[in-house]
Amino acid sequence: MKHVVLTALRRFRDNQEGTATISVALWAPFLVSIALSTVEMGALTIRQVSLERALDETIRAVRLETGKAWTHAGMKDDICARASVLTNCDYLLHLEMLSVDMRDYVAPDERAECTDTVKLLTSETGGGIEIPLVDRLTAPRNFENGQAHQTMILRACYKYKPISPLSYFGGAIPKDDAGYTAVVSTGLFVHEPQ
């Protein structure tokens, strides 16, 4: 009897079937997290590059059209038209334009002013799209048109929901209370004289 039990235990110990399953079960969550983080990082990069390019092109238009008085809504529409990859851009993009005195430089606030996504208007969702209520009710702060020869800082903040918030990278990026994260782009230019 003792010999039968020892033989069965020895056979169980030496059996190699199913060993690959254990390593796959241990490594799969790690590999899936890396894959999701790669997708998240790619999506963030596409949004950042698109916002940077649209902001640069809009700044170029502002510098070339010196007689035009640009408004927050006009610049926002121009940037959104140039950055088609930014979904719901009309609602989730916020701009700041500040004049800067280069002789007596005072740095603007490090944190960009972004759309408040915590207050959402869900009655106008239209296919599950969340529309920020605050963007419709409040006037933009920190937006001033400059004069000729004046140095201006234009900052754009676009909010979006991460694709995979449970991945390693998606969980590490800072988010607001509604689960949105932001990409910020900044441009500096001088108003040309007319």
Protein backbone atom coordinates (compact mmCIF):
# COMPACT_ATOMS: atom_id res chain seq x y z
CA MET A 1 0.00 0.00 0.00
CA LYS A 2 2.79 2.40 0.92
CA HIS A 3 4.53 1.63 -2.35
CA VAL A 4 1.40 2.44 -4.39
CA VAL A 5 0.99 5.82 -2.70
CA LEU A 6 4.66 6.73 -3.15
CA THR A 7 4.55 5.72 -6.81
CA ALA A 8 1.45 7.85 -7.38
CA LEU A 9 3.05 10.84 -5.66
CA ARG A 10 6.27 10.40 -7.66
CA ARG A 11 4.29 10.18 -10.90
CA PHE A 12 2.35 13.36 -9.96
CA ARG A 13 5.62 15.20 -9.19
CA ASP A 14 7.26 14.22 -12.45
CA ASN A 15 4.23 14.97 -14.65
CA GLN A 16 4.94 17.96 -16.97
CA GLU A 17 1.42 18.44 -18.34
CA GLY A 18 -0.16 21.84 -17.66
CA THR A 19 3.03 23.68 -16.64
CA ALA A 20 2.64 26.21 -19.46
CA THR A 21 -0.83 27.09 -18.19
CA ILE A 22 0.58 28.28 -14.89
CA SER A 23 3.11 30.63 -16.48
CA VAL A 24 0.48 31.99 -18.87
CA ALA A 25 -1.92 32.58 -15.98
CA LEU A 26 0.79 34.43 -14.06
CA TRP A 27 2.07 36.57 -16.95
CA ALA A 28 -1.20 37.28 -18.83
CA PRO A 29 -2.42 40.17 -16.61
CA PHE A 30 0.98 41.85 -16.86
CA LEU A 31 1.13 41.50 -20.66
CA VAL A 32 -2.47 42.69 -21.11
CA SER A 33 -1.72 45.72 -18.91
CA ILE A 34 1.32 46.55 -21.04
CA ALA A 35 -0.74 46.23 -24.24
CA LEU A 36 -3.51 48.48 -22.86
CA SER A 37 -0.93 50.99 -21.62
CA THR A 38 0.59 51.07 -25.10
CA VAL A 39 -2.80 51.79 -26.64
CA GLU A 40 -3.49 54.48 -24.02
CA MET A 41 -0.11 56.13 -24.58
CA GLY A 42 -0.67 56.11 -28.35
CA ALA A 43 -4.10 57.71 -27.97
CA LEU A 44 -2.68 60.38 -25.66
CA THR A 45 0.15 61.10 -28.09
CA ILE A 46 -2.25 61.43 -31.04
CA ARG A 47 -4.40 63.88 -29.08
CA GLN A 48 -1.39 65.89 -27.89
CA VAL A 49 0.18 66.15 -31.36
CA SER A 50 -3.16 67.05 -32.94
CA LEU A 51 -3.80 69.77 -30.35
CA GLU A 52 -0.25 71.15 -30.73
CA ARG A 53 -0.55 71.34 -34.51
CA ALA A 54 -4.02 72.91 -34.44
CA LEU A 55 -2.87 75.48 -31.88
CA ASP A 56 0.22 76.35 -33.95
CA GLU A 57 -1.87 76.78 -37.11
CA THR A 58 -4.40 78.95 -35.26
CA ILE A 59 -1.62 81.13 -33.82
CA ARG A 60 -0.28 81.55 -37.35
CA ALA A 61 -3.74 82.64 -38.52
CA VAL A 62 -3.99 85.13 -35.63
CA ARG A 63 -0.62 86.62 -36.52
CA LEU A 64 -1.46 86.91 -40.22
CA GLU A 65 -4.97 88.34 -39.74
CA THR A 66 -3.95 91.28 -37.58
CA GLY A 67 -7.13 93.33 -38.11
CA LYS A 68 -9.47 90.59 -36.92
CA ALA A 69 -10.67 90.59 -33.30
CA TRP A 70 -10.50 86.97 -32.22
CA THR A 71 -12.97 85.66 -29.67
CA HIS A 72 -12.79 82.60 -27.46
CA ALA A 73 -15.50 80.88 -29.51
CA GLY A 74 -13.88 81.82 -32.83
CA MET A 75 -10.47 80.49 -31.82
CA LYS A 76 -12.04 77.39 -30.33
CA ASP A 77 -13.93 76.68 -33.57
CA ASP A 78 -10.75 77.21 -35.58
CA ILE A 79 -8.73 74.81 -33.41
CA CYS A 80 -11.51 72.20 -33.41
CA ALA A 81 -11.80 72.40 -37.21
CA ARG A 82 -8.06 71.79 -37.53
CA ALA A 83 -7.97 68.94 -34.98
CA SER A 84 -10.65 66.53 -36.16
CA VAL A 85 -9.26 63.73 -33.97
CA LEU A 86 -10.40 65.55 -30.81
CA THR A 87 -13.94 64.26 -30.24
CA ASN A 88 -16.50 66.64 -28.71
CA CYS A 89 -13.90 69.38 -29.05
CA ASP A 90 -16.54 72.14 -28.96
CA TYR A 91 -17.41 71.16 -25.39
CA LEU A 92 -14.19 69.74 -23.99
CA LEU A 93 -11.66 72.34 -25.21
CA HIS A 94 -10.96 75.49 -23.22
CA LEU A 95 -8.63 78.34 -24.18
CA GLU A 96 -6.72 80.93 -22.22
CA MET A 97 -5.06 83.92 -23.86
CA LEU A 98 -3.00 86.17 -21.61
CA SER A 99 -0.81 89.16 -22.33
CA VAL A 100 2.73 89.03 -20.98
CA ASP A 101 5.02 91.96 -20.28
CA MET A 102 8.48 90.72 -21.26
CA ARG A 103 10.20 93.59 -19.42
CA ASP A 104 8.47 92.77 -16.13
CA TYR A 105 7.73 89.09 -16.61
CA VAL A 106 5.34 87.42 -14.21
CA ALA A 107 4.76 83.75 -15.01
CA PRO A 108 1.11 82.76 -15.43
CA ASP A 109 -0.39 80.08 -13.24
CA GLU A 110 1.20 76.69 -13.97
CA ARG A 111 -2.14 74.92 -14.06
CA ALA A 112 -4.08 75.49 -17.23
CA GLU A 113 -7.72 76.47 -16.99
CA CYS A 114 -9.77 73.55 -18.27
CA THR A 115 -13.44 72.79 -18.82
CA ASP A 116 -15.20 71.70 -15.64
CA THR A 117 -16.33 68.19 -16.56
CA VAL A 118 -17.71 67.39 -13.12
CA LYS A 119 -20.94 69.27 -13.96
CA LEU A 120 -22.32 67.46 -16.96
CA LEU A 121 -25.53 68.13 -18.80
CA THR A 122 -26.81 64.66 -19.60
CA SER A 123 -30.22 65.62 -20.97
CA GLU A 124 -28.56 66.60 -24.27
CA THR A 125 -26.50 63.48 -24.58
CA GLY A 126 -27.59 62.43 -28.06
CA GLY A 127 -25.96 59.04 -28.36
CA GLY A 128 -24.18 58.95 -25.04
CA ILE A 129 -22.09 62.10 -25.54
CA GLU A 130 -21.66 63.98 -22.29
CA ILE A 131 -21.82 67.77 -22.67
CA PRO A 132 -20.30 69.95 -19.95
CA LEU A 133 -22.87 72.32 -18.51
CA VAL A 134 -20.33 74.87 -17.31
CA ASP A 135 -19.02 75.50 -20.83
CA ARG A 136 -22.42 76.83 -21.88
CA LEU A 137 -23.16 78.90 -18.79
CA THR A 138 -19.93 80.68 -17.93
CA ALA A 139 -17.92 83.15 -19.92
CA PRO A 140 -14.28 82.25 -20.51
CA ARG A 141 -11.92 83.70 -17.95
CA ASN A 142 -8.36 84.71 -18.79
CA PHE A 143 -9.03 85.53 -22.42
CA GLU A 144 -7.93 88.92 -23.63
CA ASN A 145 -7.11 90.19 -27.09
CA GLY A 146 -3.76 91.91 -27.18
CA GLN A 147 -2.58 95.08 -28.83
CA ALA A 148 0.06 95.47 -31.55
CA HIS A 149 3.57 94.46 -30.43
CA GLN A 150 2.17 92.72 -27.34
CA THR A 151 3.42 89.26 -26.36
CA MET A 152 0.61 86.76 -25.79
CA ILE A 153 0.41 83.28 -24.32
CA LEU A 154 -2.30 81.05 -25.75
CA ARG A 155 -2.99 77.88 -23.79
CA ALA A 156 -5.40 75.15 -24.88
CA CYS A 157 -6.68 72.45 -22.53
CA TYR A 158 -8.58 69.48 -23.97
CA LYS A 159 -10.26 66.99 -21.62
CA TYR A 160 -10.97 63.37 -22.56
CA LYS A 161 -11.77 60.07 -20.91
CA PRO A 162 -8.95 57.51 -20.99
CA ILE A 163 -9.55 54.43 -23.14
CA SER A 164 -8.40 51.98 -20.49
CA PRO A 165 -8.45 53.60 -17.04
CA LEU A 166 -7.64 50.24 -15.40
CA SER A 167 -4.38 49.74 -17.29
CA TYR A 168 -1.08 50.64 -15.66
CA PHE A 169 -0.65 53.89 -17.63
CA GLY A 170 -4.36 54.76 -17.68
CA GLY A 171 -4.51 54.45 -13.91
CA ALA A 172 -1.37 56.53 -13.38
CA ILE A 173 -2.38 59.66 -15.32
CA PRO A 174 -4.14 62.30 -13.21
CA LYS A 175 -7.92 62.54 -13.63
CA ASP A 176 -10.64 64.86 -12.32
CA ASP A 177 -13.65 63.73 -10.31
CA ALA A 178 -15.57 62.83 -13.48
CA GLY A 179 -12.75 60.57 -14.73
CA TYR A 180 -11.44 62.96 -17.41
CA THR A 181 -7.77 63.71 -17.99
CA ALA A 182 -6.34 66.66 -19.89
CA VAL A 183 -3.78 67.42 -22.56
CA VAL A 184 -2.46 70.98 -22.55
CA SER A 185 -0.70 72.85 -25.31
CA THR A 186 0.86 76.30 -25.00
CA GLY A 187 1.91 78.79 -27.65
CA LEU A 188 3.62 82.15 -27.41
CA PHE A 189 3.34 84.85 -30.06
CA VAL A 190 3.62 88.59 -30.62
CA HIS A 191 0.76 90.55 -32.21
CA GLU A 192 2.03 92.06 -35.42
CA PRO A 193 1.23 95.71 -36.14
CA GLN A 194 -1.47 96.35 -38.74
